[in-house]
Amino acid sequence: MDDKLFDVFSEETEVPECVLRRVNETLEMIENSAESDRGYQKEEKTGKVINGTDRMGKIGTRKNWKRSLILTFAAVMVFGATVFAAEKYIGISGFFQEVGNKMPEEAKGLIEKDPVQQEDGDSILTYTVKEALCDKNSVQIVVEAAAKERGKYFLVGEDSSYDDPVSNLGIDSDQTIEEYAGEKGLTVVRVNAHFEFGEELGISSASGDFCSREDDVLMIYSSAVKGNQSSNLTVSCVGVAVLPDAKSVDDVMRTNITFQLEDKSQGRTVTYVPKNAEDGIITADGKMKILSVEVEESEIGEYAAIHYMVLGDASNIALDVTDANGNLWNMTSVGGSAETTQNTKEGVWKIMYEKTDLPDEIGIRAYDYENSIAYEPVMLQMS
């Protein structure tokens, strides 16, 4: 698996046709969703269809989205290209805001700065956890990667291409990465610092962004939904550095980073049930039944767990929360995940949203992302 992931990040990667097809289909969906209200204006197809959205983001060029989506389908992990304002330092709240989210003031007070860490590995870079934030269901970090030998390297995100603009990293220039590094005589190093997937935190996917602090100092943001809900956490991360002459996964420089993090958040859980339908409510042309929704509040946001049952071919269906008028809740950069039981008939769709005042009624909107069909939300009430 590691060798396959290494190939994804190389310049001459041959991506499987099935992956490219899914990527191109998703890109079409993204481009059809560029309206400011996040709705698309395509002709309605079948079923009860309303204005919808791809819910996959609002930033990046088609090329950068394509690279990131290939990573998503290949490794269940996406690091998109975000255009940042040039700053000397950007923390969790800064990354949060740069992708269009609002960090509540009470959440900022939970951010832990400069946690004590253990670092182990042989690399040309050092990795320092600058900020960390968690609640019961999510974890976010900002890591600073810096070259040990200064003035020699240009650090970029691991999914970057040489013809990507350096402005994506917050650098005030219209040059590409290749042009910028060449003019300064710097060696390009692809860099990342991501959560260690596995049972410790219960993380299966993550998302992130990058921002250049100096040519050889890169700020890395990573966020994820976690399954481990204990108050005291051991967070394990992996720092990755790849030089241009790397030929295989054996040439990737890895650094293991570990630190302790305490969940200091406070919250409550609210349950919503279908209106006038005790055994669930049908949606998506009879393909799914919505059973209930649990929304857990914290200082960071609202974490929705949508419980559903599969009645037909629902492999292309995504779920989302709306208000009583059908307006989509604002998803955070943490994103979400989907889980199914062993018989795959029942599952839970989990998504992190911006903090809001929980209403008496919500809607659940099903979206067919293969055919760009958004179904009319089914309504649930607070129990």
Protein backbone atom coordinates (compact mmCIF):
# COMPACT_ATOMS: atom_id res chain seq x y z
CA MET A 1 0.00 0.00 0.00
CA ASP A 2 2.82 2.42 0.86
CA ASP A 3 4.39 1.92 -2.57
CA LYS A 4 1.07 2.69 -4.26
CA LEU A 5 0.68 5.87 -2.21
CA PHE A 6 4.23 6.88 -3.14
CA ASP A 7 3.33 6.47 -6.80
CA VAL A 8 0.33 8.76 -6.36
CA PHE A 9 2.61 11.58 -5.24
CA SER A 10 5.18 11.16 -8.04
CA GLU A 11 5.19 13.34 -11.14
CA GLU A 12 4.82 10.56 -13.72
CA THR A 13 2.03 8.67 -12.03
CA GLU A 14 -0.26 6.60 -14.26
CA VAL A 15 -3.62 6.84 -12.50
CA PRO A 16 -6.06 3.95 -13.07
CA GLU A 17 -8.85 4.78 -15.51
CA CYS A 18 -11.57 3.98 -12.96
CA VAL A 19 -10.09 6.51 -10.54
CA LEU A 20 -9.76 9.18 -13.24
CA ARG A 21 -13.37 8.60 -14.26
CA ARG A 22 -14.61 9.11 -10.68
CA VAL A 23 -12.38 12.18 -10.31
CA ASN A 24 -13.63 13.78 -13.52
CA GLU A 25 -17.24 13.09 -12.58
CA THR A 26 -16.70 14.71 -9.19
CA LEU A 27 -14.95 17.69 -10.76
CA GLU A 28 -17.95 18.23 -13.02
CA MET A 29 -20.12 18.21 -9.92
CA ILE A 30 -17.83 20.72 -8.17
CA GLU A 31 -17.84 23.09 -11.12
CA ASN A 32 -21.63 22.91 -11.27
CA SER A 33 -21.74 24.01 -7.63
CA ALA A 34 -19.82 27.26 -7.80
CA GLU A 35 -22.70 29.61 -7.02
CA SER A 36 -22.26 31.74 -3.91
CA ASP A 37 -25.18 30.03 -2.19
CA ARG A 38 -23.45 26.70 -2.82
CA GLY A 39 -26.40 25.61 -4.94
CA TYR A 40 -26.35 24.33 -8.48
CA GLN A 41 -28.70 25.51 -11.20
CA LYS A 42 -28.85 22.39 -13.36
CA GLU A 43 -32.12 21.18 -14.87
CA GLU A 44 -33.97 19.00 -12.41
CA LYS A 45 -33.81 15.33 -13.33
CA THR A 46 -35.99 12.81 -11.54
CA GLY A 47 -37.61 12.59 -8.14
CA LYS A 48 -38.14 15.50 -5.83
CA VAL A 49 -35.08 17.57 -6.66
CA ILE A 50 -34.06 20.89 -5.16
CA ASN A 51 -31.03 23.16 -5.37
CA GLY A 52 -28.08 21.25 -3.98
CA THR A 53 -24.33 21.26 -3.60
CA ASP A 54 -21.42 18.88 -3.99
CA ARG A 55 -20.30 19.60 -0.39
CA MET A 56 -16.69 18.96 -1.33
CA GLY A 57 -15.29 22.47 -0.96
CA LYS A 58 -15.12 25.90 -2.50
CA ILE A 59 -11.42 26.36 -3.23
CA GLY A 60 -8.65 25.39 -5.63
CA THR A 61 -8.22 25.13 -9.39
CA ARG A 62 -9.51 22.21 -11.43
CA LYS A 63 -5.98 20.82 -11.65
CA ASN A 64 -5.41 21.00 -7.92
CA TRP A 65 -8.84 19.52 -7.20
CA LYS A 66 -8.04 16.66 -9.59
CA ARG A 67 -4.78 15.85 -7.82
CA SER A 68 -6.48 16.03 -4.44
CA LEU A 69 -9.44 13.91 -5.52
CA ILE A 70 -7.10 11.24 -6.87
CA LEU A 71 -5.55 11.14 -3.42
CA THR A 72 -9.00 10.92 -1.87
CA PHE A 73 -10.09 7.93 -3.93
CA ALA A 74 -6.68 6.24 -3.66
CA ALA A 75 -5.89 6.81 0.00
CA VAL A 76 -9.05 8.23 1.62
CA MET A 77 -7.07 11.37 2.41
CA VAL A 78 -7.25 14.76 0.66
CA PHE A 79 -4.93 17.74 0.94
CA GLY A 80 -6.34 20.46 -1.32
CA ALA A 81 -4.64 23.60 -2.54
CA THR A 82 -5.85 26.66 -0.63
CA VAL A 83 -4.81 30.20 -1.48
CA PHE A 84 -3.65 31.84 1.75
CA ALA A 85 -2.86 35.43 2.52
CA ALA A 86 0.87 35.77 3.11
CA GLU A 87 1.53 35.64 6.84
CA LYS A 88 4.48 34.84 9.07
CA TYR A 89 2.36 32.50 11.18
CA ILE A 90 -1.03 30.88 10.77
CA GLY A 91 -2.63 28.74 13.46
CA ILE A 92 -5.71 26.54 13.70
CA SER A 93 -8.18 29.42 13.71
CA GLY A 94 -6.42 30.95 10.69
CA PHE A 95 -6.60 27.74 8.66
CA PHE A 96 -10.19 27.28 9.81
CA GLN A 97 -11.15 30.72 8.49
CA GLU A 98 -9.18 30.47 5.26
CA VAL A 99 -11.49 27.71 4.01
CA GLY A 100 -14.60 29.74 4.80
CA ASN A 101 -15.38 28.47 8.31
CA LYS A 102 -15.88 30.49 11.48
CA MET A 103 -13.98 29.47 14.61
CA PRO A 104 -16.14 30.26 17.67
CA GLU A 105 -14.44 32.35 20.34
CA GLU A 106 -15.09 29.68 22.98
CA ALA A 107 -13.31 27.13 20.76
CA LYS A 108 -10.23 29.36 20.47
CA GLY A 109 -9.89 29.17 24.24
CA LEU A 110 -9.47 25.38 24.00
CA ILE A 111 -6.50 25.52 21.61
CA GLU A 112 -3.38 24.09 23.22
CA LYS A 113 -0.16 25.79 22.12
CA ASP A 114 3.28 24.17 21.91
CA PRO A 115 2.42 20.83 23.56
CA VAL A 116 5.37 18.79 24.81
CA GLN A 117 6.22 16.28 22.08
CA GLN A 118 8.50 13.36 21.38
CA GLU A 119 10.11 13.21 17.95
CA ASP A 120 11.88 10.22 16.44
CA GLY A 121 13.24 9.82 12.93
CA ASP A 122 16.04 10.59 10.47
CA SER A 123 15.07 13.49 8.22
CA ILE A 124 16.37 16.73 6.76
CA LEU A 125 13.44 18.43 8.54
CA THR A 126 12.27 19.00 12.09
CA TYR A 127 8.57 18.92 12.96
CA THR A 128 7.06 20.97 15.78
CA VAL A 129 3.43 20.77 16.87
CA LYS A 130 2.50 24.44 17.31
CA GLU A 131 -1.22 24.09 18.12
CA ALA A 132 -3.69 21.30 18.86
CA LEU A 133 -7.43 21.27 19.44
CA CYS A 134 -9.90 18.49 20.11
CA ASP A 135 -13.38 17.75 21.35
CA LYS A 136 -15.17 14.45 21.79
CA ASN A 137 -15.38 13.73 18.05
CA SER A 138 -12.64 15.68 16.27
CA VAL A 139 -8.98 16.65 16.45
CA GLN A 140 -7.02 19.38 14.66
CA ILE A 141 -3.33 20.24 14.66
CA VAL A 142 -0.91 22.72 13.11
CA VAL A 143 2.64 21.45 12.64
CA GLU A 144 5.65 23.53 11.61
CA ALA A 145 8.10 21.72 9.32
CA ALA A 146 11.50 23.41 9.08
CA ALA A 147 14.70 22.48 7.26
CA LYS A 148 17.65 21.66 9.51
CA GLU A 149 20.01 23.14 6.90
CA ARG A 150 18.63 26.56 6.07
CA GLY A 151 18.74 28.31 2.69
CA LYS A 152 18.87 25.09 0.68
CA TYR A 153 15.29 23.80 0.31
CA PHE A 154 11.84 24.96 -0.77
CA LEU A 155 9.14 23.12 1.19
CA VAL A 156 5.77 22.48 -0.49
CA GLY A 157 2.73 20.33 0.24
CA GLU A 158 3.07 16.62 -0.45
CA ASP A 159 0.47 16.68 -3.24
CA SER A 160 1.97 19.72 -5.00
CA SER A 161 2.94 19.70 -8.65
CA TYR A 162 5.90 21.62 -10.05
CA ASP A 163 3.57 23.72 -12.20
CA ASP A 164 1.32 24.70 -9.29
CA PRO A 165 1.48 28.43 -8.46
CA VAL A 166 3.41 29.35 -5.32
CA SER A 167 0.57 31.76 -4.49
CA ASN A 168 -1.31 28.66 -3.27
CA LEU A 169 1.18 28.61 -0.41
CA GLY A 170 0.69 32.29 0.44
CA ILE A 171 3.73 33.54 -1.49
CA ASP A 172 3.25 36.85 -3.31
CA SER A 173 4.39 35.74 -6.75
CA ASP A 174 2.82 34.54 -10.00
CA GLN A 175 5.60 31.99 -10.52
CA THR A 176 5.15 28.24 -10.46
CA ILE A 177 6.89 26.08 -7.86
CA GLU A 178 9.46 25.02 -10.45
CA GLU A 179 10.16 28.60 -11.55
CA TYR A 180 10.35 29.93 -7.98
CA ALA A 181 12.71 27.22 -6.75
CA GLY A 182 14.83 27.38 -9.89
CA GLU A 183 15.32 31.13 -9.67
CA LYS A 184 16.48 30.84 -6.05
CA GLY A 185 18.54 27.69 -6.57
CA LEU A 186 16.45 25.72 -4.05
CA THR A 187 15.66 22.00 -4.00
CA VAL A 188 11.92 21.27 -3.82
CA VAL A 189 10.90 19.01 -0.93
CA ARG A 190 7.36 17.62 -0.73
CA VAL A 191 6.27 17.65 2.90
CA ASN A 192 3.37 16.49 5.05
CA ALA A 193 2.51 15.78 8.68
CA HIS A 194 -0.61 13.68 9.16
CA PHE A 195 -2.29 11.69 11.89
CA GLU A 196 -1.30 8.06 12.34
CA PHE A 197 -4.34 6.11 11.24
CA GLY A 198 -5.44 3.22 13.42
CA GLU A 199 -7.11 2.27 16.66
CA GLU A 200 -5.38 4.73 19.01
CA LEU A 201 -7.55 7.68 17.93
CA GLY A 202 -9.94 5.80 15.70
CA ILE A 203 -9.05 7.95 12.67
CA SER A 204 -9.65 6.53 9.20
CA SER A 205 -9.37 9.70 7.09
CA ALA A 206 -8.11 13.26 7.43
CA SER A 207 -7.97 16.53 5.51
CA GLY A 208 -5.48 19.35 5.55
CA ASP A 209 -3.82 22.41 4.05
CA PHE A 210 -0.39 24.01 3.77
CA CYS A 211 0.96 27.55 4.14
CA SER A 212 4.53 28.74 3.55
CA ARG A 213 6.06 30.69 6.43
CA GLU A 214 9.48 30.90 4.79
CA ASP A 215 10.96 29.08 1.81
CA ASP A 216 12.23 26.31 4.07
CA VAL A 217 9.49 26.51 6.74
CA LEU A 218 6.01 25.12 6.01
CA MET A 219 2.93 25.30 8.23
CA ILE A 220 0.77 22.15 7.95
CA TYR A 221 -2.85 21.90 9.11
CA SER A 222 -4.54 18.53 9.57
CA SER A 223 -8.04 17.76 10.87
CA ALA A 224 -9.96 14.53 11.34
CA VAL A 225 -13.01 12.90 12.84
CA LYS A 226 -11.91 10.52 15.61
CA GLY A 227 -13.57 7.47 17.10
CA ASN A 228 -11.74 7.48 20.45
CA GLN A 229 -13.84 9.68 22.72
CA SER A 230 -11.73 9.51 25.88
CA SER A 231 -10.70 12.78 27.57
CA ASN A 232 -6.95 12.08 27.61
CA LEU A 233 -5.46 11.26 24.24
CA THR A 234 -2.08 10.17 22.94
CA VAL A 235 -1.82 11.75 19.49
CA SER A 236 0.59 10.14 17.02
CA CYS A 237 1.57 11.88 13.79
CA VAL A 238 3.95 11.10 10.96
CA GLY A 239 6.11 13.74 9.31
CA VAL A 240 6.99 12.96 5.69
CA ALA A 241 9.65 14.53 3.45
CA VAL A 242 10.26 13.52 -0.19
CA LEU A 243 13.19 14.77 -2.30
CA PRO A 244 12.95 14.98 -6.12
CA ASP A 245 15.27 12.00 -6.63
CA ALA A 246 13.20 9.64 -4.43
CA LYS A 247 12.50 6.41 -6.30
CA SER A 248 10.37 4.40 -3.86
CA VAL A 249 8.79 4.46 -0.42
CA ASP A 250 12.20 3.51 0.99
CA ASP A 251 13.45 6.98 0.03
CA VAL A 252 10.70 8.77 1.94
CA MET A 253 12.02 10.35 5.16
CA ARG A 254 9.65 9.68 8.04
CA THR A 255 9.53 11.27 11.48
CA ASN A 256 7.25 9.98 14.24
CA ILE A 257 5.71 12.63 16.50
CA THR A 258 3.80 11.91 19.70
CA PHE A 259 2.16 14.22 22.24
CA GLN A 260 -0.61 14.21 24.85
CA LEU A 261 -3.85 16.11 24.35
CA GLU A 262 -6.74 16.63 26.75
CA ASP A 263 -10.35 17.08 25.67
CA LYS A 264 -11.57 20.06 27.69
CA SER A 265 -14.76 20.61 25.70
CA GLN A 266 -18.25 20.62 27.15
CA GLY A 267 -21.36 19.62 25.26
CA ARG A 268 -24.74 17.96 25.08
CA THR A 269 -26.39 15.50 22.72
CA VAL A 270 -29.76 16.12 21.05
CA THR A 271 -31.72 13.44 19.19
CA TYR A 272 -33.99 14.08 16.20
CA VAL A 273 -36.56 11.54 14.97
CA PRO A 274 -38.68 11.48 11.79
CA LYS A 275 -41.94 13.37 11.98
CA ASN A 276 -45.00 11.10 11.85
CA ALA A 277 -42.92 8.02 11.00
CA GLU A 278 -41.84 5.94 13.99
CA ASP A 279 -39.93 3.35 11.93
CA GLY A 280 -38.07 5.83 9.73
CA ILE A 281 -38.71 7.96 6.67
CA ILE A 282 -37.89 7.10 3.05
CA THR A 283 -35.69 9.25 0.81
CA ALA A 284 -33.61 9.07 -2.41
CA ASP A 285 -36.31 7.41 -4.51
CA GLY A 286 -36.72 4.62 -1.96
CA LYS A 287 -33.00 3.81 -1.75
CA MET A 288 -32.56 4.88 1.88
CA LYS A 289 -34.53 5.18 5.09
CA ILE A 290 -33.53 7.81 7.67
CA LEU A 291 -33.94 6.38 11.18
CA SER A 292 -32.70 9.18 13.47
CA VAL A 293 -30.07 11.88 13.90
CA GLU A 294 -27.93 12.59 16.95
CA VAL A 295 -26.35 16.03 17.13
CA GLU A 296 -23.62 16.56 19.69
CA GLU A 297 -22.75 20.13 20.55
CA SER A 298 -19.31 21.35 21.55
CA GLU A 299 -17.48 24.67 21.59
CA ILE A 300 -16.04 23.81 18.16
CA GLY A 301 -19.23 22.92 16.30
CA GLU A 302 -22.11 20.52 15.83
CA TYR A 303 -21.32 16.88 15.18
CA ALA A 304 -24.18 15.09 13.41
CA ALA A 305 -24.55 11.31 13.29
CA ILE A 306 -27.23 10.37 10.76
CA HIS A 307 -28.51 6.82 11.29
CA TYR A 308 -29.89 5.24 8.12
CA MET A 309 -30.94 1.97 6.51
CA VAL A 310 -30.06 0.97 2.95
CA LEU A 311 -33.08 -0.21 0.92
CA GLY A 312 -31.58 -0.23 -2.58
CA ASP A 313 -28.41 0.77 -4.45
CA ALA A 314 -27.31 3.75 -2.36
CA SER A 315 -23.60 3.62 -3.19
CA ASN A 316 -23.79 7.07 -4.83
CA ILE A 317 -25.83 8.74 -2.09
CA ALA A 318 -24.43 11.30 0.36
CA LEU A 319 -26.40 12.76 3.27
CA ASP A 320 -26.47 16.27 4.69
CA VAL A 321 -28.29 18.28 7.36
CA THR A 322 -30.51 21.27 6.50
CA ASP A 323 -32.61 23.71 8.47
CA ALA A 324 -36.41 23.61 8.33
CA ASN A 325 -36.33 25.67 5.11
CA GLY A 326 -33.98 23.33 3.28
CA ASN A 327 -30.82 25.44 3.68
CA LEU A 328 -27.71 23.31 4.15
CA TRP A 329 -25.80 23.61 7.40
CA ASN A 330 -22.23 24.87 6.96
CA MET A 331 -19.76 22.01 7.00
CA THR A 332 -16.41 22.59 8.71
CA SER A 333 -12.96 21.67 7.42
CA VAL A 334 -13.03 18.62 9.71
CA GLY A 335 -15.48 16.98 7.28
CA GLY A 336 -16.93 13.59 8.14
CA SER A 337 -17.10 9.87 7.49
CA ALA A 338 -19.53 7.04 6.86
CA GLU A 339 -19.77 3.72 8.70
CA THR A 340 -21.84 0.63 7.96
CA THR A 341 -22.63 -2.47 9.98
CA GLN A 342 -21.38 -5.90 8.98
CA ASN A 343 -24.51 -6.60 6.95
CA THR A 344 -24.09 -3.15 5.30
CA LYS A 345 -27.85 -2.53 5.59
CA GLU A 346 -27.57 0.01 8.40
CA GLY A 347 -25.02 2.74 8.82
CA VAL A 348 -24.09 6.09 10.32
CA TRP A 349 -23.16 9.16 8.27
CA LYS A 350 -21.07 11.52 10.45
CA ILE A 351 -20.39 15.16 9.63
CA MET A 352 -18.95 18.13 11.56
CA TYR A 353 -20.78 21.43 11.07
CA GLU A 354 -20.23 25.00 12.19
CA LYS A 355 -21.68 25.88 15.57
CA THR A 356 -25.32 26.97 15.47
CA ASP A 357 -28.37 27.23 17.70
CA LEU A 358 -30.02 23.82 17.46
CA PRO A 359 -33.58 24.18 16.11
CA ASP A 360 -36.68 22.14 16.93
CA GLU A 361 -36.72 20.71 13.40
CA ILE A 362 -34.03 19.74 10.90
CA GLY A 363 -34.01 18.16 7.46
CA ILE A 364 -31.87 15.38 6.00
CA ARG A 365 -31.08 15.83 2.34
CA ALA A 366 -29.94 12.93 0.18
CA TYR A 367 -27.67 13.76 -2.75
CA ASP A 368 -26.84 11.48 -5.69
CA TYR A 369 -23.35 12.71 -6.61
CA GLU A 370 -23.03 10.45 -9.66
CA ASN A 371 -26.08 12.01 -11.33
CA SER A 372 -26.09 15.43 -9.62
CA ILE A 373 -29.52 14.89 -8.10
CA ALA A 374 -30.45 16.52 -4.80
CA TYR A 375 -33.61 15.17 -3.20
CA GLU A 376 -36.06 17.15 -1.13
CA PRO A 377 -35.10 16.97 2.56
CA VAL A 378 -37.08 14.71 4.86
CA MET A 379 -37.98 16.36 8.14
CA LEU A 380 -37.12 15.31 11.68
CA GLN A 381 -38.07 16.83 15.02
CA MET A 382 -36.25 17.09 18.32
CA SER A 383 -37.31 14.28 20.65
